[in-house]
Amino acid sequence: MLKLYNTLTRKKESFKPSKGKDVSIYACGPTVYAMPHIGNYRTFLMVDNLVRTLDYLGYKPKLVMNLTDIDDKTIRDSQKEGLSLKDFTEKYTQEFFKGLEMLNIRRAFSYPKATENVEGMIDLTKKLVEKGMAYEKSGSVYFRISSFKGYGKLSKVDLDNIKIGASVDVDEYDKDNPQDFALLKARAKTRSNAHLLRQPLGKKCAPAGTSNARSWP
């Protein structure tokens, strides 16, 4: 019987699929802004090992892995190279796939790109704002972690014991709570209009976290 480590319970538990032999897997993929290195591929090798194990045991695994092709790094470096965001990220997307082939890693069922799921990110963010779980400040939209009672369960983080300002300068962030995180970032003055997401909440860019939330169909 297959047993997997449950991060929530911190125990190894018997694997019991909810839909017979069908197993849906989501894995965070690369941000395609530079040449991937072996450290990056460690994650993808581990995911491939899980997929192959499930397949060997008679399950039908379906892996979806997102590609983050728009964020601060991709925008910044595409401008440095004088390329459009699409051409720049496509170059490193292909390098990522070449590495998969070299390491004999199976391709995922789907590789949704952040730029292909913008509307979903916007809709999700709007719903969170309407529910009071997110708010707009200085052009950016932040998730209010105090609105989610279970926040920190997986990491076992006690938010009450976190020292504010220990790792970042809180004065650099205009948020209700320094622990809140960005769902949509306001446009930086140095960014080209070609990289902006035009939507009802204004001109913004989507961080990786928001694109991950909308990558699973």
Protein backbone atom coordinates (compact mmCIF):
# COMPACT_ATOMS: atom_id res chain seq x y z
CA MET A 1 0.00 0.00 0.00
CA LEU A 2 1.28 3.42 -0.97
CA LYS A 3 1.87 5.85 1.89
CA LEU A 4 2.57 9.56 1.49
CA TYR A 5 3.67 12.20 3.97
CA ASN A 6 0.81 14.53 4.92
CA THR A 7 2.20 18.01 5.59
CA LEU A 8 -0.91 18.98 7.55
CA THR A 9 -0.79 16.07 10.02
CA ARG A 10 3.02 15.60 9.86
CA LYS A 11 2.45 11.85 9.43
CA LYS A 12 2.78 9.19 6.74
CA GLU A 13 -0.70 8.16 5.69
CA SER A 14 -2.20 5.59 3.35
CA PHE A 15 -2.98 7.06 -0.05
CA LYS A 16 -6.70 6.88 -0.87
CA PRO A 17 -7.76 8.62 -4.11
CA SER A 18 -11.15 10.32 -4.04
CA LYS A 19 -12.00 9.26 -7.61
CA GLY A 20 -11.13 5.61 -8.02
CA LYS A 21 -7.85 5.24 -9.88
CA ASP A 22 -7.80 8.83 -11.17
CA VAL A 23 -5.24 11.03 -9.43
CA SER A 24 -5.00 14.79 -10.09
CA ILE A 25 -1.64 16.40 -9.30
CA TYR A 26 -0.69 20.06 -9.40
CA ALA A 27 2.97 21.06 -9.18
CA CYS A 28 4.42 24.56 -9.23
CA GLY A 29 6.52 24.99 -12.36
CA PRO A 30 9.34 27.38 -13.24
CA THR A 31 9.42 31.14 -13.66
CA VAL A 32 10.84 31.32 -17.17
CA TYR A 33 13.27 34.22 -16.97
CA ALA A 34 16.70 32.50 -16.90
CA MET A 35 18.49 29.26 -17.70
CA PRO A 36 17.20 26.57 -15.30
CA HIS A 37 19.79 24.80 -13.14
CA ILE A 38 19.97 21.39 -11.49
CA GLY A 39 18.53 22.80 -8.27
CA ASN A 40 15.38 23.77 -10.15
CA TYR A 41 15.07 20.31 -11.68
CA ARG A 42 15.26 18.57 -8.29
CA THR A 43 11.61 19.51 -7.70
CA PHE A 44 10.56 18.32 -11.14
CA LEU A 45 12.44 15.01 -10.67
CA MET A 46 10.62 14.39 -7.40
CA VAL A 47 7.26 15.08 -9.05
CA ASP A 48 8.18 12.76 -11.91
CA ASN A 49 9.09 10.05 -9.41
CA LEU A 50 5.65 10.36 -7.81
CA VAL A 51 3.87 10.25 -11.18
CA ARG A 52 5.83 7.16 -12.27
CA THR A 53 5.18 5.41 -8.95
CA LEU A 54 1.44 6.05 -9.21
CA ASP A 55 1.45 4.84 -12.79
CA TYR A 56 3.35 1.67 -11.82
CA LEU A 57 0.82 0.94 -9.07
CA GLY A 58 -2.05 1.09 -11.54
CA TYR A 59 -3.32 4.61 -10.93
CA LYS A 60 -4.05 7.16 -13.65
CA PRO A 61 -2.08 10.28 -12.65
CA LYS A 62 -2.82 13.58 -14.39
CA LEU A 63 -0.15 16.20 -13.76
CA VAL A 64 -0.64 19.91 -14.38
CA MET A 65 2.34 22.26 -13.95
CA ASN A 66 2.10 26.02 -14.38
CA LEU A 67 4.59 28.26 -16.15
CA THR A 68 5.03 31.73 -14.64
CA ASP A 69 5.67 33.91 -17.69
CA ILE A 70 4.82 37.29 -16.22
CA ASP A 71 6.19 38.74 -12.99
CA ASP A 72 8.76 41.30 -11.89
CA LYS A 73 11.72 39.17 -13.03
CA THR A 74 10.39 38.31 -16.49
CA ILE A 75 9.39 41.92 -17.14
CA ARG A 76 12.69 43.32 -15.86
CA ASP A 77 14.95 40.94 -17.77
CA SER A 78 12.95 41.02 -21.01
CA GLN A 79 13.42 44.79 -21.06
CA LYS A 80 17.15 44.37 -20.40
CA GLU A 81 17.43 42.06 -23.42
CA GLY A 82 15.24 44.28 -25.58
CA LEU A 83 12.74 41.50 -26.28
CA SER A 84 8.98 41.33 -26.01
CA LEU A 85 7.79 39.52 -22.91
CA LYS A 86 6.36 36.72 -25.07
CA ASP A 87 9.58 36.14 -27.06
CA PHE A 88 11.73 36.37 -23.92
CA THR A 89 9.74 33.86 -21.87
CA GLU A 90 9.27 31.49 -24.82
CA LYS A 91 13.06 31.22 -25.13
CA TYR A 92 13.44 30.05 -21.54
CA THR A 93 10.32 27.90 -21.71
CA GLN A 94 11.97 25.89 -24.47
CA GLU A 95 15.17 25.63 -22.42
CA PHE A 96 13.09 24.23 -19.58
CA PHE A 97 11.62 21.56 -21.86
CA LYS A 98 15.08 20.68 -23.19
CA GLY A 99 16.18 20.00 -19.63
CA LEU A 100 13.20 17.72 -19.04
CA GLU A 101 14.21 15.66 -22.07
CA MET A 102 17.86 15.45 -20.96
CA LEU A 103 16.79 14.14 -17.55
CA ASN A 104 14.13 11.80 -19.01
CA ILE A 105 11.36 13.54 -17.07
CA ARG A 106 7.89 12.84 -18.40
CA ARG A 107 5.94 15.78 -19.74
CA ALA A 108 2.96 16.94 -17.69
CA PHE A 109 -0.56 16.65 -19.06
CA SER A 110 -0.71 20.44 -19.32
CA TYR A 111 1.53 23.50 -18.81
CA PRO A 112 -0.83 26.47 -18.40
CA LYS A 113 0.86 29.86 -18.63
CA ALA A 114 0.12 32.77 -16.31
CA THR A 115 -0.50 35.04 -19.30
CA GLU A 116 -3.17 32.63 -20.55
CA ASN A 117 -5.10 32.79 -17.28
CA VAL A 118 -5.27 36.52 -16.60
CA GLU A 119 -9.07 36.70 -16.62
CA GLY A 120 -9.27 33.92 -14.04
CA MET A 121 -6.80 35.72 -11.77
CA ILE A 122 -8.80 38.92 -12.03
CA ASP A 123 -12.10 37.17 -11.32
CA LEU A 124 -10.63 35.40 -8.30
CA THR A 125 -9.16 38.64 -6.95
CA LYS A 126 -12.45 40.49 -7.42
CA LYS A 127 -14.32 37.78 -5.50
CA LEU A 128 -11.85 38.00 -2.62
CA VAL A 129 -12.24 41.79 -2.51
CA GLU A 130 -16.04 41.49 -2.52
CA LYS A 131 -15.84 39.03 0.41
CA GLY A 132 -13.57 41.33 2.38
CA MET A 133 -10.67 38.91 2.13
CA ALA A 134 -8.60 41.26 -0.03
CA TYR A 135 -8.24 45.02 -0.38
CA GLU A 136 -6.72 47.61 -2.69
CA LYS A 137 -4.04 49.97 -1.45
CA SER A 138 -1.87 52.36 -3.45
CA GLY A 139 -2.92 50.61 -6.64
CA SER A 140 -2.03 47.08 -5.51
CA VAL A 141 -4.41 44.41 -4.21
CA TYR A 142 -3.45 42.42 -1.10
CA PHE A 143 -4.83 39.27 0.53
CA ARG A 144 -5.90 39.86 4.12
CA ILE A 145 -4.51 36.82 5.93
CA SER A 146 -6.55 37.58 9.07
CA SER A 147 -9.67 36.75 7.03
CA PHE A 148 -8.59 33.10 6.66
CA LYS A 149 -8.64 31.28 10.00
CA GLY A 150 -6.63 28.34 8.72
CA TYR A 151 -3.75 30.45 7.39
CA GLY A 152 -0.41 29.00 8.52
CA LYS A 153 -1.67 25.47 9.28
CA LEU A 154 0.51 23.70 6.72
CA SER A 155 3.69 25.51 7.74
CA LYS A 156 2.81 25.39 11.45
CA VAL A 157 3.51 29.11 11.66
CA ASP A 158 2.15 30.99 14.65
CA LEU A 159 1.43 34.42 13.20
CA ASP A 160 1.27 35.94 16.68
CA ASN A 161 4.94 35.07 17.27
CA ILE A 162 6.30 36.50 14.00
CA LYS A 163 8.49 39.55 14.53
CA ILE A 164 7.30 42.22 12.11
CA GLY A 165 10.13 43.86 10.16
CA ALA A 166 12.69 41.12 10.90
CA SER A 167 13.17 40.19 7.25
CA VAL A 168 11.76 43.16 5.31
CA ASP A 169 11.48 46.89 5.76
CA VAL A 170 7.81 47.41 6.59
CA ASP A 171 8.04 51.05 5.50
CA GLU A 172 8.48 49.87 1.89
CA TYR A 173 5.03 48.29 1.84
CA ASP A 174 1.77 50.20 2.11
CA LYS A 175 -0.46 47.47 3.54
CA ASP A 176 -2.99 47.17 6.35
CA ASN A 177 -0.85 44.39 7.80
CA PRO A 178 2.83 43.79 6.86
CA GLN A 179 2.06 40.05 6.71
CA ASP A 180 -0.55 40.45 3.96
CA PHE A 181 0.68 39.50 0.48
CA ALA A 182 0.08 40.86 -3.00
CA LEU A 183 -2.47 39.34 -5.34
CA LEU A 184 -2.06 42.01 -8.01
CA LYS A 185 0.76 44.53 -8.06
CA ALA A 186 0.40 48.11 -9.23
CA ARG A 187 2.27 49.09 -12.35
CA ALA A 188 5.80 50.33 -11.75
CA LYS A 189 6.61 53.57 -13.55
CA THR A 190 9.56 51.93 -15.29
CA ARG A 191 7.48 49.18 -16.87
CA SER A 192 6.39 49.20 -20.47
CA ASN A 193 2.65 49.31 -21.13
CA ALA A 194 3.03 46.15 -23.22
CA HIS A 195 3.37 44.09 -20.03
CA LEU A 196 0.32 45.40 -18.19
CA LEU A 197 -2.86 43.55 -17.38
CA ARG A 198 -5.76 45.82 -18.34
CA GLN A 199 -8.72 45.05 -16.11
CA PRO A 200 -11.40 46.66 -13.89
CA LEU A 201 -9.01 46.98 -10.91
CA GLY A 202 -6.57 49.09 -12.92
CA LYS A 203 -3.20 48.42 -14.55
CA LYS A 204 -1.44 45.73 -12.56
CA CYS A 205 0.83 42.69 -12.79
CA ALA A 206 0.10 39.28 -11.32
CA PRO A 207 2.56 37.76 -8.83
CA ALA A 208 3.41 34.07 -9.07
CA GLY A 209 1.12 33.16 -6.21
CA THR A 210 -1.96 34.41 -8.00
CA SER A 211 -1.02 32.63 -11.22
CA ASN A 212 -0.56 29.37 -9.30
CA ALA A 213 -4.05 29.70 -7.85
CA ARG A 214 -5.56 29.87 -11.34
CA SER A 215 -3.45 27.26 -13.14
CA TRP A 216 -5.51 24.21 -12.21
CA PRO A 217 -8.51 23.83 -14.60
